[in-house]
Structures are given as C-alpha cells and as structure tokens.
Amino acid sequence: MKIIEKQINTKDYLTKSNLPDSDYVINPYVGCPHACKYCYASFMKRFTGHSEEWGTFIDIKECDKPISKKRLQGKSVFIASVTDCYNQYEARYCKTQKILEQLINIDCQITISTKSDLILRDIEILKKIPNLKVAFSLNTLNETFRKDMDNASAIANRLYTIKRLHEAGIYTVLFISPIFPYITDWKKIIEETSYIVNEYWFENLNLRGSYKQTILTYIDKYYSNLANEYRKIFLQKDNAYWDNLASSINVYCDELNLKYINYFYHARLVKEKMDNKHDM
C-alpha cells in the first residue's frame, strides 16, 4: 500500500487530554500506516484536510518549541493516543526519539502506547525515564487474524519486544484491545504473557463510523457463525456480553492477583472526565 507522507508544522507537541488517566497527550504524527480495520482514531481524518482513507497517509509533525518542563511537572503524559509513535516512518524521522530525550529529566508519569518492535531502538533512552510505562496492544495470538486486522508488527515480534523491555526493567503493560467477542482469547493471552507483563489493560471493541460495517462484513465472511451475536451486540446495543465479560475479567485477574484496569465503555469514561472538568 502506498502511503502519502508530508511534513506539517505544529505550535506545540503537548495537547490537553480527554483520556481518563492522562493530563496531556503527545502525537508526533497525524495518521497511522498500521491501518487497523477497527481503529477508533479514524475519526481524526476529518480534522486533517486529507481526502484519502485513514491508514493511507502520514503527516510528520515539525515543532521548534521545546517541551515545557513546568507544564508537565507532576502531570501524566500519554504518547500516541491517535497514532502509533513507532510506526515505520519513525525509523527515518525520529520524532518520538527526540521527544523522549526531552522528557528524561522531567518529573512526570509517561505512558507510551505502541504495536511496534521499533521501540527497542530507544531502549537505552527508555531506561533513563523513571516514571515510564510501555503499553503494547495485542488482541489475538492468531497471526492470520492479526494480518487481517492490521499492518503492525507480527505477534511474535510484539511478544519478544515486551520480553526485552521487561528484562530491561521497564514497566510493561499489555493492552488487550480491542476485545473481539468470542474471538479474542484473553485468558490465553494472559497465560502466555504473565511472566513478562506488569499490568493488563482491557478494552472492548467499539464499532462506529465507517469501520463499523467493515468489521461486520468481515465477521459475516470469516466468522459467519458469530454474525448474529455481533449484530446483537453492535446493532441492537445489547451490553449483556460486555457486562458478563467484564465481571469474568475482574474475577480472573483478582484470583491471580494481577494488576489490571478495565477500560470497557471508554467513551463513557471520557464523557465523565469532560463532565468533571465542567463542574470544576
């Protein structure tokens, strides 16, 4: 797939966050060549001026303004909320690397979200950041399904990368997201990774916009036995499956004494944060 790339100017890498657990977000790129079929960030396209499909363009942000130590002191920063900061263009432009170098001596909580093994390039920088979490997204151990869903690193590469980071003393999070009903074997993922993961996050599949029909059509074609269940969940808005799954996850993780966060109903959490801001 040909990716359209261009460089754009931005006044500041820091943006106030609407995420439940972050004060600021940093997205060194606009767009993402991973082209995940379920990408919730595809809504960003309407703000970019691009007519191309989400996943087929990448804008590289240029910013001369240094990251403000004063603004971030005691705050939390989430890197890559609507892109992957270690997409393949990072190997050439090094935007994430340069940002991390600025963050080394700032007293703030930093979380990096990625699906890419390119992050290992910066392992020595990461080791210098004291309050750091690296969250790797993974929702399947089936490589065929993974290839159908995204152009990111292979499952084996992701697991190897998490292991390397963990062995280097870096706090690792496995973000089991998005959970596909009856397809994502989250227990198996935990069984395979618990020795290299400090914390688990869980998020359910949310279908909206143009990719809603894309996913439902895919299920019809490749998992036709689940088609009715998916329509029940995503068209009839029956939350019983998610409620039961959330309960199962809580019980399982508590029994194994695993550290975890359940981000089901992410949109609701964002709305609650916005409402709290307005009430202040």
Foldseek 3Di string as FASTA:
>chain_A
DAAAEEEDEDAAQWDQDLFLAFGTEGEQKDAELQPFLLQPLQVCVVVPPDPDGGNRYMYGYDYPDQHDLVVAAAGEYEYCPNYQCVGPCCVPVVSVVVNLVSQLPRHHAYEHEHQALSCVVCLVSQLSRDRYEYEHEDQAPDQVVVVVGTNHDTPVSSLVSLQVSQVSVHAYEYENPAHDPPHGPPVVVCVVRVVRHQEYEYEYRADDDPSNVVVLVVCCVPVVVCNVVSCCCHVVVDCPSVVVVVVVVVVVCVVVVGHYYYCYPVVVSSVVSVVVVVVD
